[in-house]
């Protein structure tokens, strides 16, 4: 490395970081100087939209919504695994087919369990 405090290979990276920080700071300062500042009572209120509150913002959401969302994520992630399998299907052979059948079988068992438990009923 020699006597240099910063290796020469890092100088372009440090220069890029410095330019990015300077650009962000200049953009924020330019926006702060250019923007109009005319506060009034309604604008300083917690809900700036101007419409009066008609209910509390802390609404209790039913647990079934979260269960449906989690089931959607679980069964939607299977596409992430099935697409590369379908692309490389001819190279994988019988072993790849057996692994995917096992994977889909596990998902079908999970789907069947959720269906029997009534998790998919939207009442």
N, C-alpha and C. Protein backbone atom coordinates (compact mmCIF):
# COMPACT_ATOMS: atom_id res chain seq x y z
N UNK A 1 0.82 -1.19 0.00
CA UNK A 1 0.00 0.00 0.00
C UNK A 1 0.87 1.26 0.00
N UNK A 2 2.01 1.18 0.51
CA UNK A 2 2.90 2.33 0.48
C UNK A 2 2.59 3.32 1.58
N UNK A 3 3.00 4.55 1.35
CA UNK A 3 2.84 5.59 2.37
C UNK A 3 1.52 6.34 2.24
N UNK A 4 0.73 6.04 1.24
CA UNK A 4 -0.53 6.76 1.03
C UNK A 4 -1.54 6.41 2.12
N UNK A 5 -2.24 7.44 2.61
CA UNK A 5 -3.25 7.23 3.65
C UNK A 5 -4.47 6.53 3.08
N UNK A 6 -4.83 6.87 1.84
CA UNK A 6 -5.96 6.24 1.16
C UNK A 6 -5.42 5.65 -0.14
N UNK A 7 -5.63 4.36 -0.35
CA UNK A 7 -5.15 3.78 -1.62
C UNK A 7 -5.79 4.47 -2.83
N UNK A 8 -5.04 4.54 -3.90
CA UNK A 8 -5.50 5.25 -5.10
C UNK A 8 -6.75 4.60 -5.71
N UNK A 9 -6.97 3.32 -5.47
CA UNK A 9 -8.15 2.64 -6.02
C UNK A 9 -9.44 3.12 -5.38
N UNK A 10 -9.35 3.68 -4.16
CA UNK A 10 -10.55 4.13 -3.46
C UNK A 10 -10.90 5.58 -3.77
N UNK A 11 -10.03 6.33 -4.42
CA UNK A 11 -10.30 7.74 -4.69
C UNK A 11 -11.54 7.95 -5.57
N UNK A 12 -11.76 7.18 -6.64
CA UNK A 12 -13.01 7.40 -7.42
C UNK A 12 -14.27 7.11 -6.60
N UNK A 13 -14.20 6.13 -5.73
CA UNK A 13 -15.37 5.81 -4.89
C UNK A 13 -15.63 6.94 -3.92
N UNK A 14 -14.57 7.44 -3.27
CA UNK A 14 -14.73 8.55 -2.34
C UNK A 14 -15.21 9.81 -3.05
N UNK A 15 -14.73 10.04 -4.26
CA UNK A 15 -15.18 11.18 -5.04
C UNK A 15 -16.67 11.04 -5.38
N UNK A 16 -17.11 9.85 -5.76
CA UNK A 16 -18.52 9.61 -6.07
C UNK A 16 -19.39 9.83 -4.83
N UNK A 17 -18.96 9.34 -3.68
CA UNK A 17 -19.72 9.54 -2.44
C UNK A 17 -19.79 11.01 -2.10
N UNK A 18 -18.67 11.73 -2.26
CA UNK A 18 -18.65 13.17 -1.97
C UNK A 18 -19.59 13.94 -2.89
N UNK A 19 -19.62 13.60 -4.18
CA UNK A 19 -20.52 14.26 -5.12
C UNK A 19 -21.97 13.97 -4.76
N UNK A 20 -22.28 12.72 -4.37
CA UNK A 20 -23.65 12.36 -4.01
C UNK A 20 -24.11 13.12 -2.77
N UNK A 21 -23.25 13.24 -1.77
CA UNK A 21 -23.61 13.98 -0.54
C UNK A 21 -23.78 15.46 -0.86
N UNK A 22 -22.88 16.02 -1.67
CA UNK A 22 -22.97 17.44 -2.03
C UNK A 22 -24.25 17.71 -2.84
N UNK A 23 -24.60 16.81 -3.76
CA UNK A 23 -25.82 16.99 -4.55
C UNK A 23 -27.06 16.97 -3.64
N UNK A 24 -27.10 16.03 -2.70
CA UNK A 24 -28.24 15.98 -1.79
C UNK A 24 -28.33 17.23 -0.93
N UNK A 25 -27.20 17.69 -0.40
CA UNK A 25 -27.21 18.88 0.45
C UNK A 25 -27.61 20.12 -0.34
N UNK A 26 -27.08 20.28 -1.54
CA UNK A 26 -27.43 21.44 -2.37
C UNK A 26 -28.90 21.39 -2.76
N UNK A 27 -29.42 20.23 -3.07
CA UNK A 27 -30.85 20.11 -3.42
C UNK A 27 -31.74 20.50 -2.25
N UNK A 28 -31.40 20.02 -1.06
CA UNK A 28 -32.20 20.36 0.11
C UNK A 28 -32.13 21.85 0.43
N UNK A 29 -30.95 22.42 0.36
CA UNK A 29 -30.81 23.85 0.63
C UNK A 29 -31.53 24.69 -0.41
N UNK A 30 -31.45 24.31 -1.68
CA UNK A 30 -32.15 25.06 -2.73
C UNK A 30 -33.66 24.99 -2.51
N UNK A 31 -34.17 23.85 -2.15
CA UNK A 31 -35.59 23.72 -1.86
C UNK A 31 -36.01 24.54 -0.65
N UNK A 32 -35.15 24.62 0.34
CA UNK A 32 -35.47 25.38 1.55
C UNK A 32 -35.50 26.88 1.26
N UNK A 33 -34.62 27.36 0.37
CA UNK A 33 -34.59 28.78 0.04
C UNK A 33 -35.70 29.17 -0.94
N UNK A 34 -36.10 28.29 -1.83
CA UNK A 34 -37.05 28.63 -2.88
C UNK A 34 -38.50 28.46 -2.43
N UNK A 35 -38.78 27.55 -1.53
CA UNK A 35 -40.17 27.24 -1.19
C UNK A 35 -40.85 28.42 -0.49
N UNK A 36 -42.14 28.58 -0.71
CA UNK A 36 -42.87 29.62 0.00
C UNK A 36 -43.16 29.17 1.43
N UNK A 37 -43.17 30.12 2.33
CA UNK A 37 -43.45 29.80 3.73
C UNK A 37 -44.56 30.72 4.21
N UNK A 38 -45.79 30.26 4.07
CA UNK A 38 -46.94 31.03 4.50
C UNK A 38 -47.82 30.17 5.41
N UNK A 39 -47.40 29.96 6.65
CA UNK A 39 -48.21 29.10 7.53
C UNK A 39 -49.50 29.80 7.98
N UNK A 40 -50.56 29.03 8.11
CA UNK A 40 -51.80 29.50 8.68
C UNK A 40 -52.36 28.41 9.58
N UNK A 41 -53.41 28.72 10.33
CA UNK A 41 -53.87 27.84 11.39
C UNK A 41 -54.24 26.45 10.89
N UNK A 42 -54.95 26.36 9.78
CA UNK A 42 -55.37 25.04 9.27
C UNK A 42 -54.16 24.25 8.77
N UNK A 43 -53.17 24.94 8.25
CA UNK A 43 -51.99 24.24 7.74
C UNK A 43 -51.14 23.71 8.88
N UNK A 44 -51.15 24.37 10.01
CA UNK A 44 -50.36 23.94 11.15
C UNK A 44 -51.07 22.88 11.99
N UNK A 45 -52.33 22.58 11.66
CA UNK A 45 -53.08 21.56 12.39
C UNK A 45 -52.50 20.18 12.05
N UNK A 46 -52.72 19.19 12.94
CA UNK A 46 -52.15 17.86 12.69
C UNK A 46 -52.62 17.20 11.41
N UNK A 47 -53.87 17.43 11.00
CA UNK A 47 -54.39 16.84 9.77
C UNK A 47 -54.53 17.96 8.75
N UNK A 48 -53.56 18.02 7.86
CA UNK A 48 -53.42 19.12 6.94
C UNK A 48 -54.43 19.09 5.80
N UNK A 49 -55.14 18.00 5.61
CA UNK A 49 -56.02 17.88 4.46
C UNK A 49 -57.18 18.86 4.51
N UNK A 50 -57.50 19.36 5.67
CA UNK A 50 -58.56 20.34 5.79
C UNK A 50 -59.91 19.75 6.13
N UNK A 51 -60.08 18.45 5.93
CA UNK A 51 -61.37 17.84 6.27
C UNK A 51 -61.38 17.46 7.74
N UNK A 52 -62.49 17.67 8.40
CA UNK A 52 -62.55 17.32 9.82
C UNK A 52 -62.52 15.80 10.03
N UNK A 53 -62.04 15.39 11.18
CA UNK A 53 -61.98 13.97 11.50
C UNK A 53 -63.39 13.45 11.76
N UNK A 54 -63.68 12.28 11.26
CA UNK A 54 -64.99 11.69 11.51
C UNK A 54 -64.89 10.41 12.32
N UNK A 55 -63.68 9.89 12.53
CA UNK A 55 -63.48 8.72 13.39
C UNK A 55 -62.03 8.66 13.80
N UNK A 56 -61.76 7.86 14.79
CA UNK A 56 -60.39 7.69 15.27
C UNK A 56 -59.56 6.94 14.21
N UNK A 57 -58.32 7.33 14.06
CA UNK A 57 -57.45 6.71 13.06
C UNK A 57 -57.03 5.31 13.47
N UNK A 58 -57.12 4.99 14.73
CA UNK A 58 -56.73 3.66 15.21
C UNK A 58 -57.92 2.71 15.12
N UNK A 59 -58.10 2.14 13.96
CA UNK A 59 -59.20 1.22 13.70
C UNK A 59 -58.70 -0.20 13.89
N UNK A 60 -59.49 -1.00 14.58
CA UNK A 60 -59.12 -2.39 14.79
C UNK A 60 -59.41 -3.17 13.51
N UNK A 61 -58.36 -3.75 12.94
CA UNK A 61 -58.51 -4.53 11.71
C UNK A 61 -58.68 -5.99 12.10
N UNK A 62 -59.63 -6.68 11.50
CA UNK A 62 -59.86 -8.08 11.87
C UNK A 62 -58.63 -8.96 11.58
N UNK A 63 -58.43 -9.95 12.42
CA UNK A 63 -57.29 -10.85 12.28
C UNK A 63 -57.36 -11.66 11.00
N UNK A 64 -58.54 -11.90 10.51
CA UNK A 64 -58.72 -12.68 9.28
C UNK A 64 -58.03 -11.99 8.10
N UNK A 65 -58.00 -10.67 8.10
CA UNK A 65 -57.31 -9.94 7.04
C UNK A 65 -55.83 -10.31 7.00
N UNK A 66 -55.19 -10.36 8.16
CA UNK A 66 -53.77 -10.71 8.22
C UNK A 66 -53.54 -12.17 7.81
N UNK A 67 -54.45 -13.04 8.19
CA UNK A 67 -54.31 -14.46 7.82
C UNK A 67 -54.40 -14.62 6.30
N UNK A 68 -55.36 -13.94 5.69
CA UNK A 68 -55.50 -14.01 4.23
C UNK A 68 -54.25 -13.44 3.56
N UNK A 69 -53.73 -12.34 4.10
CA UNK A 69 -52.53 -11.73 3.51
C UNK A 69 -51.33 -12.67 3.62
N UNK A 70 -51.18 -13.33 4.76
CA UNK A 70 -50.05 -14.26 4.93
C UNK A 70 -50.21 -15.47 4.01
N UNK A 71 -51.42 -15.97 3.86
CA UNK A 71 -51.64 -17.09 2.95
C UNK A 71 -51.34 -16.69 1.51
N UNK A 72 -51.73 -15.47 1.15
CA UNK A 72 -51.43 -15.00 -0.20
C UNK A 72 -49.92 -14.95 -0.43
N UNK A 73 -49.18 -14.42 0.54
CA UNK A 73 -47.73 -14.33 0.39
C UNK A 73 -47.12 -15.72 0.28
N UNK A 74 -47.56 -16.64 1.12
CA UNK A 74 -47.00 -18.00 1.11
C UNK A 74 -47.25 -18.67 -0.24
N UNK A 75 -48.49 -18.60 -0.73
CA UNK A 75 -48.80 -19.28 -1.98
C UNK A 75 -48.33 -18.49 -3.20
N UNK A 76 -48.07 -17.22 -3.04
CA UNK A 76 -47.55 -16.44 -4.15
C UNK A 76 -46.05 -16.65 -4.31
N UNK A 77 -45.35 -16.94 -3.24
CA UNK A 77 -43.90 -17.17 -3.30
C UNK A 77 -43.59 -18.43 -4.10
N UNK A 78 -44.54 -19.33 -4.20
CA UNK A 78 -44.28 -20.56 -4.96
C UNK A 78 -43.96 -20.25 -6.42
N UNK A 79 -44.49 -19.17 -6.95
CA UNK A 79 -44.18 -18.79 -8.33
C UNK A 79 -42.70 -18.42 -8.46
N UNK A 80 -42.12 -17.85 -7.42
CA UNK A 80 -40.70 -17.50 -7.45
C UNK A 80 -39.86 -18.75 -7.62
N UNK A 81 -40.29 -19.85 -7.07
CA UNK A 81 -39.55 -21.10 -7.20
C UNK A 81 -39.93 -21.88 -8.47
N UNK A 82 -41.16 -21.72 -8.92
CA UNK A 82 -41.60 -22.49 -10.08
C UNK A 82 -41.09 -21.91 -11.40
N UNK A 83 -40.91 -20.61 -11.48
CA UNK A 83 -40.46 -20.02 -12.75
C UNK A 83 -39.05 -20.47 -13.13
N UNK A 84 -38.06 -20.39 -12.22
CA UNK A 84 -36.73 -20.90 -12.62
C UNK A 84 -36.74 -22.40 -12.90
N UNK A 85 -37.58 -23.14 -12.19
CA UNK A 85 -37.68 -24.58 -12.44
C UNK A 85 -38.21 -24.82 -13.85
N UNK A 86 -39.21 -24.03 -14.25
CA UNK A 86 -39.78 -24.22 -15.58
C UNK A 86 -38.77 -23.84 -16.67
N UNK A 87 -37.94 -22.84 -16.40
CA UNK A 87 -36.95 -22.42 -17.39
C UNK A 87 -35.89 -23.50 -17.56
N UNK A 88 -35.47 -24.13 -16.46
CA UNK A 88 -34.41 -25.14 -16.51
C UNK A 88 -34.95 -26.56 -16.46
N UNK A 89 -36.21 -26.75 -16.83
CA UNK A 89 -36.84 -28.05 -16.70
C UNK A 89 -36.10 -29.15 -17.48
N UNK A 90 -35.68 -28.86 -18.68
CA UNK A 90 -35.05 -29.90 -19.51
C UNK A 90 -33.69 -30.32 -18.95
N UNK A 91 -33.01 -29.46 -18.23
CA UNK A 91 -31.70 -29.79 -17.66
C UNK A 91 -31.81 -30.55 -16.34
N UNK A 92 -32.92 -30.40 -15.65
CA UNK A 92 -33.04 -30.99 -14.31
C UNK A 92 -33.40 -32.47 -14.36
N UNK A 93 -34.13 -32.87 -15.34
CA UNK A 93 -34.47 -34.28 -15.47
C UNK A 93 -35.50 -34.75 -14.45
N UNK A 94 -35.45 -36.04 -14.16
CA UNK A 94 -36.42 -36.65 -13.25
C UNK A 94 -36.27 -36.15 -11.82
N UNK A 95 -35.04 -35.90 -11.39
CA UNK A 95 -34.81 -35.42 -10.02
C UNK A 95 -35.49 -34.07 -9.81
N UNK A 96 -35.36 -33.17 -10.79
CA UNK A 96 -36.02 -31.88 -10.70
C UNK A 96 -37.53 -32.00 -10.68
N UNK A 97 -38.05 -32.92 -11.48
CA UNK A 97 -39.49 -33.16 -11.50
C UNK A 97 -39.97 -33.69 -10.15
N UNK A 98 -39.23 -34.63 -9.57
CA UNK A 98 -39.61 -35.19 -8.27
C UNK A 98 -39.57 -34.12 -7.18
N UNK A 99 -38.56 -33.26 -7.21
CA UNK A 99 -38.47 -32.19 -6.21
C UNK A 99 -39.63 -31.21 -6.33
N UNK A 100 -40.01 -30.86 -7.57
CA UNK A 100 -41.11 -29.92 -7.74
C UNK A 100 -42.44 -30.56 -7.37
N UNK A 101 -42.63 -31.83 -7.66
CA UNK A 101 -43.86 -32.52 -7.25
C UNK A 101 -43.95 -32.55 -5.72
N UNK A 102 -42.83 -32.78 -5.06
CA UNK A 102 -42.81 -32.75 -3.58
C UNK A 102 -43.15 -31.36 -3.06
N UNK A 103 -42.55 -30.35 -3.67
CA UNK A 103 -42.81 -28.97 -3.26
C UNK A 103 -44.28 -28.60 -3.44
N UNK A 104 -44.84 -28.92 -4.60
CA UNK A 104 -46.25 -28.62 -4.84
C UNK A 104 -47.14 -29.44 -3.92
N UNK A 105 -46.75 -30.67 -3.63
CA UNK A 105 -47.52 -31.49 -2.69
C UNK A 105 -47.58 -30.88 -1.31
N UNK A 106 -46.46 -30.36 -0.83
CA UNK A 106 -46.44 -29.70 0.48
C UNK A 106 -47.35 -28.46 0.46
N UNK A 107 -47.31 -27.70 -0.64
CA UNK A 107 -48.19 -26.54 -0.74
C UNK A 107 -49.65 -26.93 -0.79
N UNK A 108 -49.97 -28.02 -1.48
CA UNK A 108 -51.37 -28.48 -1.54
C UNK A 108 -51.84 -28.91 -0.16
N UNK A 109 -50.99 -29.59 0.59
CA UNK A 109 -51.36 -29.98 1.96
C UNK A 109 -51.61 -28.74 2.81
N UNK A 110 -50.76 -27.70 2.68
CA UNK A 110 -50.98 -26.46 3.42
C UNK A 110 -52.25 -25.76 3.02
N UNK A 111 -52.53 -25.76 1.72
CA UNK A 111 -53.76 -25.16 1.23
C UNK A 111 -54.98 -25.91 1.73
N UNK A 112 -54.92 -27.23 1.70
CA UNK A 112 -56.02 -28.05 2.20
C UNK A 112 -56.26 -27.80 3.69
N UNK A 113 -55.18 -27.71 4.48
CA UNK A 113 -55.28 -27.44 5.91
C UNK A 113 -55.94 -26.08 6.16
N UNK A 114 -55.50 -25.05 5.41
CA UNK A 114 -56.09 -23.72 5.58
C UNK A 114 -57.56 -23.72 5.19
N UNK A 115 -57.91 -24.47 4.17
CA UNK A 115 -59.29 -24.55 3.73
C UNK A 115 -60.15 -25.23 4.78
N UNK A 116 -59.67 -26.35 5.36
CA UNK A 116 -60.44 -27.07 6.36
C UNK A 116 -60.58 -26.27 7.65
N UNK A 117 -59.58 -25.45 7.98
CA UNK A 117 -59.65 -24.62 9.18
C UNK A 117 -60.57 -23.42 8.99
N UNK A 118 -60.97 -23.16 7.75
CA UNK A 118 -61.85 -22.02 7.47
C UNK A 118 -61.11 -20.70 7.31
N UNK A 119 -59.81 -20.76 7.10
CA UNK A 119 -59.03 -19.53 6.97
C UNK A 119 -59.33 -18.81 5.67
N UNK A 120 -59.89 -19.48 4.69
CA UNK A 120 -60.17 -18.87 3.41
C UNK A 120 -61.59 -18.32 3.30
N UNK A 121 -62.39 -18.49 4.33
CA UNK A 121 -63.74 -17.96 4.36
C UNK A 121 -63.69 -16.47 4.68
N UNK A 122 -64.36 -15.67 3.86
CA UNK A 122 -64.34 -14.22 4.06
C UNK A 122 -65.72 -13.79 4.52
N UNK A 123 -65.93 -13.79 5.81
CA UNK A 123 -67.24 -13.40 6.39
C UNK A 123 -67.17 -12.03 7.00
